[in-house]
Amino acid sequence: MAKELAAHELLEVHELLIFKTACVAKSKVFSGLVEDKKLKEILDEDVELSTKAIKDLRKILEDSTK
């Protein structure tokens, strides 16, 4: 059962989606530039977690429009 979201809630989810998308882009760029192994691992983990968050946020938006 999909929950209908109010307009301000949809806007907030959309803003989070934009933020997480920017996080992935930034982490991918910096991951290719850093030489420190530990920092690269942190950035790669951030890409993975942010990608999952993006999928979850998209699902929320899709479910709210059904």
PDB file of N, CA and C in Angstrom:
ATOM      1  N   MET A   1       0.844  -1.176   0.000  1.00  0.00           N
ATOM      2  CA  MET A   1       0.000   0.000   0.000  1.00  0.00           C
ATOM      3  C   MET A   1       0.892   1.243   0.000  1.00  0.00           C
ATOM      4  N   ALA A   2       0.785   2.050  -1.028  1.00  0.00           N
ATOM      5  CA  ALA A   2       1.594   3.248  -1.162  1.00  0.00           C
ATOM      6  C   ALA A   2       1.010   4.383  -0.332  1.00  0.00           C
ATOM      7  N   LYS A   3       1.899   5.106   0.299  1.00  0.00           N
ATOM      8  CA  LYS A   3       1.473   6.244   1.101  1.00  0.00           C
ATOM      9  C   LYS A   3       1.537   7.489   0.231  1.00  0.00           C
ATOM     10  N   GLU A   4       0.456   8.232   0.227  1.00  0.00           N
ATOM     11  CA  GLU A   4       0.451   9.483  -0.503  1.00  0.00           C
ATOM     12  C   GLU A   4       1.191  10.529   0.309  1.00  0.00           C
ATOM     13  N   LEU A   5       2.096  11.220  -0.340  1.00  0.00           N
ATOM     14  CA  LEU A   5       2.866  12.248   0.339  1.00  0.00           C
ATOM     15  C   LEU A   5       2.309  13.622   0.020  1.00  0.00           C
ATOM     16  N   ALA A   6       2.419  14.513   0.998  1.00  0.00           N
ATOM     17  CA  ALA A   6       2.017  15.898   0.785  1.00  0.00           C
ATOM     18  C   ALA A   6       3.038  16.566  -0.130  1.00  0.00           C
ATOM     19  N   ALA A   7       2.654  17.692  -0.697  1.00  0.00           N
ATOM     20  CA  ALA A   7       3.526  18.391  -1.652  1.00  0.00           C
ATOM     21  C   ALA A   7       4.877  18.735  -1.029  1.00  0.00           C
ATOM     22  N   HIS A   8       4.878  19.212   0.215  1.00  0.00           N
ATOM     23  CA  HIS A   8       6.155  19.585   0.839  1.00  0.00           C
ATOM     24  C   HIS A   8       7.017  18.354   1.111  1.00  0.00           C
ATOM     25  N   GLU A   9       6.399  17.220   1.362  1.00  0.00           N
ATOM     26  CA  GLU A   9       7.158  15.985   1.571  1.00  0.00           C
ATOM     27  C   GLU A   9       7.795  15.515   0.266  1.00  0.00           C
ATOM     28  N   LEU A  10       7.050  15.607  -0.824  1.00  0.00           N
ATOM     29  CA  LEU A  10       7.602  15.261  -2.135  1.00  0.00           C
ATOM     30  C   LEU A  10       8.795  16.155  -2.471  1.00  0.00           C
ATOM     31  N   LEU A  11       8.660  17.434  -2.164  1.00  0.00           N
ATOM     32  CA  LEU A  11       9.740  18.380  -2.421  1.00  0.00           C
ATOM     33  C   LEU A  11      10.980  18.018  -1.607  1.00  0.00           C
ATOM     34  N   GLU A  12      10.788  17.653  -0.348  1.00  0.00           N
ATOM     35  CA  GLU A  12      11.926  17.294   0.500  1.00  0.00           C
ATOM     36  C   GLU A  12      12.611  16.017   0.008  1.00  0.00           C
ATOM     37  N   VAL A  13      11.817  15.034  -0.407  1.00  0.00           N
ATOM     38  CA  VAL A  13      12.401  13.805  -0.950  1.00  0.00           C
ATOM     39  C   VAL A  13      13.171  14.122  -2.225  1.00  0.00           C
ATOM     40  N   HIS A  14      12.614  14.978  -3.047  1.00  0.00           N
ATOM     41  CA  HIS A  14      13.276  15.372  -4.294  1.00  0.00           C
ATOM     42  C   HIS A  14      14.590  16.102  -3.995  1.00  0.00           C
ATOM     43  N   GLU A  15      14.593  16.976  -2.994  1.00  0.00           N
ATOM     44  CA  GLU A  15      15.817  17.679  -2.619  1.00  0.00           C
ATOM     45  C   GLU A  15      16.887  16.703  -2.123  1.00  0.00           C
ATOM     46  N   LEU A  16      16.473  15.706  -1.354  1.00  0.00           N
ATOM     47  CA  LEU A  16      17.416  14.690  -0.890  1.00  0.00           C
ATOM     48  C   LEU A  16      17.986  13.898  -2.062  1.00  0.00           C
ATOM     49  N   LEU A  17      17.133  13.605  -3.029  1.00  0.00           N
ATOM     50  CA  LEU A  17      17.568  12.883  -4.219  1.00  0.00           C
ATOM     51  C   LEU A  17      18.627  13.684  -4.981  1.00  0.00           C
ATOM     52  N   ILE A  18      18.397  14.955  -5.140  1.00  0.00           N
ATOM     53  CA  ILE A  18      19.370  15.826  -5.820  1.00  0.00           C
ATOM     54  C   ILE A  18      20.685  15.863  -5.035  1.00  0.00           C
ATOM     55  N   PHE A  19      20.588  15.987  -3.713  1.00  0.00           N
ATOM     56  CA  PHE A  19      21.779  16.040  -2.867  1.00  0.00           C
ATOM     57  C   PHE A  19      22.585  14.746  -2.978  1.00  0.00           C
ATOM     58  N   LYS A  20      21.914  13.611  -2.889  1.00  0.00           N
ATOM     59  CA  LYS A  20      22.606  12.327  -2.951  1.00  0.00           C
ATOM     60  C   LYS A  20      23.229  12.113  -4.327  1.00  0.00           C
ATOM     61  N   THR A  21      22.568  12.567  -5.375  1.00  0.00           N
ATOM     62  CA  THR A  21      23.125  12.466  -6.725  1.00  0.00           C
ATOM     63  C   THR A  21      24.414  13.280  -6.826  1.00  0.00           C
ATOM     64  N   ALA A  22      24.404  14.471  -6.242  1.00  0.00           N
ATOM     65  CA  ALA A  22      25.611  15.305  -6.230  1.00  0.00           C
ATOM     66  C   ALA A  22      26.718  14.644  -5.415  1.00  0.00           C
ATOM     67  N   CYS A  23      26.351  14.001  -4.313  1.00  0.00           N
ATOM     68  CA  CYS A  23      27.335  13.293  -3.480  1.00  0.00           C
ATOM     69  C   CYS A  23      28.025  12.185  -4.268  1.00  0.00           C
ATOM     70  N   VAL A  24      27.244  11.425  -5.019  1.00  0.00           N
ATOM     71  CA  VAL A  24      27.822  10.341  -5.816  1.00  0.00           C
ATOM     72  C   VAL A  24      28.786  10.908  -6.857  1.00  0.00           C
ATOM     73  N   ALA A  25      28.365  11.947  -7.543  1.00  0.00           N
ATOM     74  CA  ALA A  25      29.217  12.535  -8.577  1.00  0.00           C
ATOM     75  C   ALA A  25      30.523  13.046  -7.968  1.00  0.00           C
ATOM     76  N   LYS A  26      30.429  13.739  -6.855  1.00  0.00           N
ATOM     77  CA  LYS A  26      31.614  14.301  -6.213  1.00  0.00           C
ATOM     78  C   LYS A  26      32.542  13.197  -5.705  1.00  0.00           C
ATOM     79  N   SER A  27      31.981  12.187  -5.078  1.00  0.00           N
ATOM     80  CA  SER A  27      32.799  11.096  -4.553  1.00  0.00           C
ATOM     81  C   SER A  27      33.485  10.318  -5.669  1.00  0.00           C
ATOM     82  N   LYS A  28      32.795  10.124  -6.791  1.00  0.00           N
ATOM     83  CA  LYS A  28      33.405   9.412  -7.924  1.00  0.00           C
ATOM     84  C   LYS A  28      34.584  10.199  -8.494  1.00  0.00           C
ATOM     85  N   VAL A  29      34.412  11.513  -8.599  1.00  0.00           N
ATOM     86  CA  VAL A  29      35.497  12.348  -9.123  1.00  0.00           C
ATOM     87  C   VAL A  29      36.695  12.302  -8.187  1.00  0.00           C
ATOM     88  N   PHE A  30      36.459  12.518  -6.901  1.00  0.00           N
ATOM     89  CA  PHE A  30      37.564  12.539  -5.951  1.00  0.00           C
ATOM     90  C   PHE A  30      38.203  11.166  -5.776  1.00  0.00           C
ATOM     91  N   SER A  31      37.423  10.100  -5.906  1.00  0.00           N
ATOM     92  CA  SER A  31      37.957   8.754  -5.777  1.00  0.00           C
ATOM     93  C   SER A  31      39.018   8.490  -6.842  1.00  0.00           C
ATOM     94  N   GLY A  32      38.808   9.054  -8.007  1.00  0.00           N
ATOM     95  CA  GLY A  32      39.787   8.888  -9.079  1.00  0.00           C
ATOM     96  C   GLY A  32      41.032   9.738  -8.903  1.00  0.00           C
ATOM     97  N   LEU A  33      40.940  10.735  -8.022  1.00  0.00           N
ATOM     98  CA  LEU A  33      42.062  11.650  -7.847  1.00  0.00           C
ATOM     99  C   LEU A  33      42.932  11.353  -6.626  1.00  0.00           C
ATOM    100  N   VAL A  34      42.348  10.757  -5.600  1.00  0.00           N
ATOM    101  CA  VAL A  34      43.092  10.554  -4.354  1.00  0.00           C
ATOM    102  C   VAL A  34      44.085   9.404  -4.481  1.00  0.00           C
ATOM    103  N   GLU A  35      45.149   9.521  -3.737  1.00  0.00           N
ATOM    104  CA  GLU A  35      46.163   8.475  -3.744  1.00  0.00           C
ATOM    105  C   GLU A  35      46.145   7.671  -2.446  1.00  0.00           C
ATOM    106  N   ASP A  36      45.582   8.228  -1.397  1.00  0.00           N
ATOM    107  CA  ASP A  36      45.532   7.530  -0.115  1.00  0.00           C
ATOM    108  C   ASP A  36      44.518   6.390  -0.183  1.00  0.00           C
ATOM    109  N   LYS A  37      44.985   5.187   0.145  1.00  0.00           N
ATOM    110  CA  LYS A  37      44.148   3.992   0.029  1.00  0.00           C
ATOM    111  C   LYS A  37      42.908   4.063   0.920  1.00  0.00           C
ATOM    112  N   LYS A  38      43.086   4.486   2.170  1.00  0.00           N
ATOM    113  CA  LYS A  38      41.969   4.540   3.116  1.00  0.00           C
ATOM    114  C   LYS A  38      40.921   5.567   2.657  1.00  0.00           C
ATOM    115  N   LEU A  39      41.368   6.710   2.206  1.00  0.00           N
ATOM    116  CA  LEU A  39      40.437   7.735   1.729  1.00  0.00           C
ATOM    117  C   LEU A  39      39.682   7.239   0.502  1.00  0.00           C
ATOM    118  N   LYS A  40      40.373   6.528  -0.387  1.00  0.00           N
ATOM    119  CA  LYS A  40      39.708   5.972  -1.572  1.00  0.00           C
ATOM    120  C   LYS A  40      38.641   4.966  -1.159  1.00  0.00           C
ATOM    121  N   GLU A  41      38.923   4.141  -0.144  1.00  0.00           N
ATOM    122  CA  GLU A  41      37.935   3.186   0.356  1.00  0.00           C
ATOM    123  C   GLU A  41      36.709   3.903   0.913  1.00  0.00           C
ATOM    124  N   ILE A  42      36.939   4.979   1.636  1.00  0.00           N
ATOM    125  CA  ILE A  42      35.833   5.759   2.205  1.00  0.00           C
ATOM    126  C   ILE A  42      34.976   6.341   1.086  1.00  0.00           C
ATOM    127  N   LEU A  43      35.618   6.896   0.080  1.00  0.00           N
ATOM    128  CA  LEU A  43      34.877   7.480  -1.040  1.00  0.00           C
ATOM    129  C   LEU A  43      34.104   6.415  -1.814  1.00  0.00           C
ATOM    130  N   ASP A  44      34.716   5.267  -2.020  1.00  0.00           N
ATOM    131  CA  ASP A  44      34.034   4.178  -2.728  1.00  0.00           C
ATOM    132  C   ASP A  44      32.824   3.684  -1.928  1.00  0.00           C
ATOM    133  N   GLU A  45      32.976   3.612  -0.612  1.00  0.00           N
ATOM    134  CA  GLU A  45      31.853   3.211   0.239  1.00  0.00           C
ATOM    135  C   GLU A  45      30.732   4.250   0.179  1.00  0.00           C
ATOM    136  N   ASP A  46      31.114   5.529   0.143  1.00  0.00           N
ATOM    137  CA  ASP A  46      30.118   6.588   0.035  1.00  0.00           C
ATOM    138  C   ASP A  46      29.343   6.483  -1.271  1.00  0.00           C
ATOM    139  N   VAL A  47      30.026   6.155  -2.356  1.00  0.00           N
ATOM    140  CA  VAL A  47      29.360   5.977  -3.649  1.00  0.00           C
ATOM    141  C   VAL A  47      28.346   4.842  -3.554  1.00  0.00           C
ATOM    142  N   GLU A  48      28.758   3.744  -2.947  1.00  0.00           N
ATOM    143  CA  GLU A  48      27.879   2.588  -2.818  1.00  0.00           C
ATOM    144  C   GLU A  48      26.640   2.914  -1.972  1.00  0.00           C
ATOM    145  N   LEU A  49      26.852   3.536  -0.821  1.00  0.00           N
ATOM    146  CA  LEU A  49      25.731   3.857   0.070  1.00  0.00           C
ATOM    147  C   LEU A  49      24.820   4.928  -0.532  1.00  0.00           C
ATOM    148  N   SER A  50      25.410   5.908  -1.166  1.00  0.00           N
ATOM    149  CA  SER A  50      24.602   6.971  -1.771  1.00  0.00           C
ATOM    150  C   SER A  50      23.795   6.436  -2.951  1.00  0.00           C
ATOM    151  N   THR A  51      24.360   5.499  -3.705  1.00  0.00           N
ATOM    152  CA  THR A  51      23.635   4.892  -4.817  1.00  0.00           C
ATOM    153  C   THR A  51      22.417   4.127  -4.302  1.00  0.00           C
ATOM    154  N   LYS A  52      22.594   3.423  -3.189  1.00  0.00           N
ATOM    155  CA  LYS A  52      21.456   2.721  -2.579  1.00  0.00           C
ATOM    156  C   LYS A  52      20.407   3.726  -2.104  1.00  0.00           C
ATOM    157  N   ALA A  53      20.850   4.813  -1.510  1.00  0.00           N
ATOM    158  CA  ALA A  53      19.914   5.844  -1.045  1.00  0.00           C
ATOM    159  C   ALA A  53      19.134   6.439  -2.219  1.00  0.00           C
ATOM    160  N   ILE A  54      19.810   6.637  -3.340  1.00  0.00           N
ATOM    161  CA  ILE A  54      19.145   7.168  -4.532  1.00  0.00           C
ATOM    162  C   ILE A  54      18.049   6.216  -5.000  1.00  0.00           C
ATOM    163  N   LYS A  55      18.354   4.935  -5.021  1.00  0.00           N
ATOM    164  CA  LYS A  55      17.348   3.940  -5.421  1.00  0.00           C
ATOM    165  C   LYS A  55      16.152   3.969  -4.471  1.00  0.00           C
ATOM    166  N   ASP A  56      16.436   4.063  -3.176  1.00  0.00           N
ATOM    167  CA  ASP A  56      15.360   4.112  -2.179  1.00  0.00           C
ATOM    168  C   ASP A  56      14.504   5.366  -2.334  1.00  0.00           C
ATOM    169  N   LEU A  57      15.149   6.501  -2.558  1.00  0.00           N
ATOM    170  CA  LEU A  57      14.402   7.756  -2.721  1.00  0.00           C
ATOM    171  C   LEU A  57      13.556   7.733  -3.992  1.00  0.00           C
ATOM    172  N   ARG A  58      14.107   7.173  -5.063  1.00  0.00           N
ATOM    173  CA  ARG A  58      13.329   7.048  -6.304  1.00  0.00           C
ATOM    174  C   ARG A  58      12.098   6.163  -6.087  1.00  0.00           C
ATOM    175  N   LYS A  59      12.280   5.090  -5.336  1.00  0.00           N
ATOM    176  CA  LYS A  59      11.157   4.187  -5.025  1.00  0.00           C
ATOM    177  C   LYS A  59      10.077   4.932  -4.243  1.00  0.00           C
ATOM    178  N   ILE A  60      10.484   5.736  -3.291  1.00  0.00           N
ATOM    179  CA  ILE A  60       9.535   6.524  -2.506  1.00  0.00           C
ATOM    180  C   ILE A  60       8.731   7.440  -3.419  1.00  0.00           C
ATOM    181  N   LEU A  61       9.428   8.120  -4.337  1.00  0.00           N
ATOM    182  CA  LEU A  61       8.750   9.022  -5.269  1.00  0.00           C
ATOM    183  C   LEU A  61       7.808   8.256  -6.198  1.00  0.00           C
ATOM    184  N   GLU A  62       8.249   7.106  -6.692  1.00  0.00           N
ATOM    185  CA  GLU A  62       7.405   6.292  -7.565  1.00  0.00           C
ATOM    186  C   GLU A  62       6.161   5.813  -6.837  1.00  0.00           C
ATOM    187  N   ASP A  63       6.343   5.325  -5.613  1.00  0.00           N
ATOM    188  CA  ASP A  63       5.217   4.799  -4.835  1.00  0.00           C
ATOM    189  C   ASP A  63       4.218   5.880  -4.455  1.00  0.00           C
ATOM    190  N   SER A  64       4.702   7.097  -4.290  1.00  0.00           N
ATOM    191  CA  SER A  64       3.798   8.176  -3.871  1.00  0.00           C
ATOM    192  C   SER A  64       2.914   8.675  -5.016  1.00  0.00           C
ATOM    193  N   THR A  65       3.288   8.324  -6.261  1.00  0.00           N
ATOM    194  CA  THR A  65       2.488   8.787  -7.388  1.00  0.00           C
ATOM    195  C   THR A  65       1.508   7.748  -7.875  1.00  0.00           C
ATOM    196  N   LYS A  66       1.497   6.573  -7.246  1.00  0.00           N
ATOM    197  CA  LYS A  66       0.577   5.503  -7.667  1.00  0.00           C
ATOM    198  C   LYS A  66      -0.771   5.665  -7.017  1.00  0.00           C
TER     199      LYS A  66
END
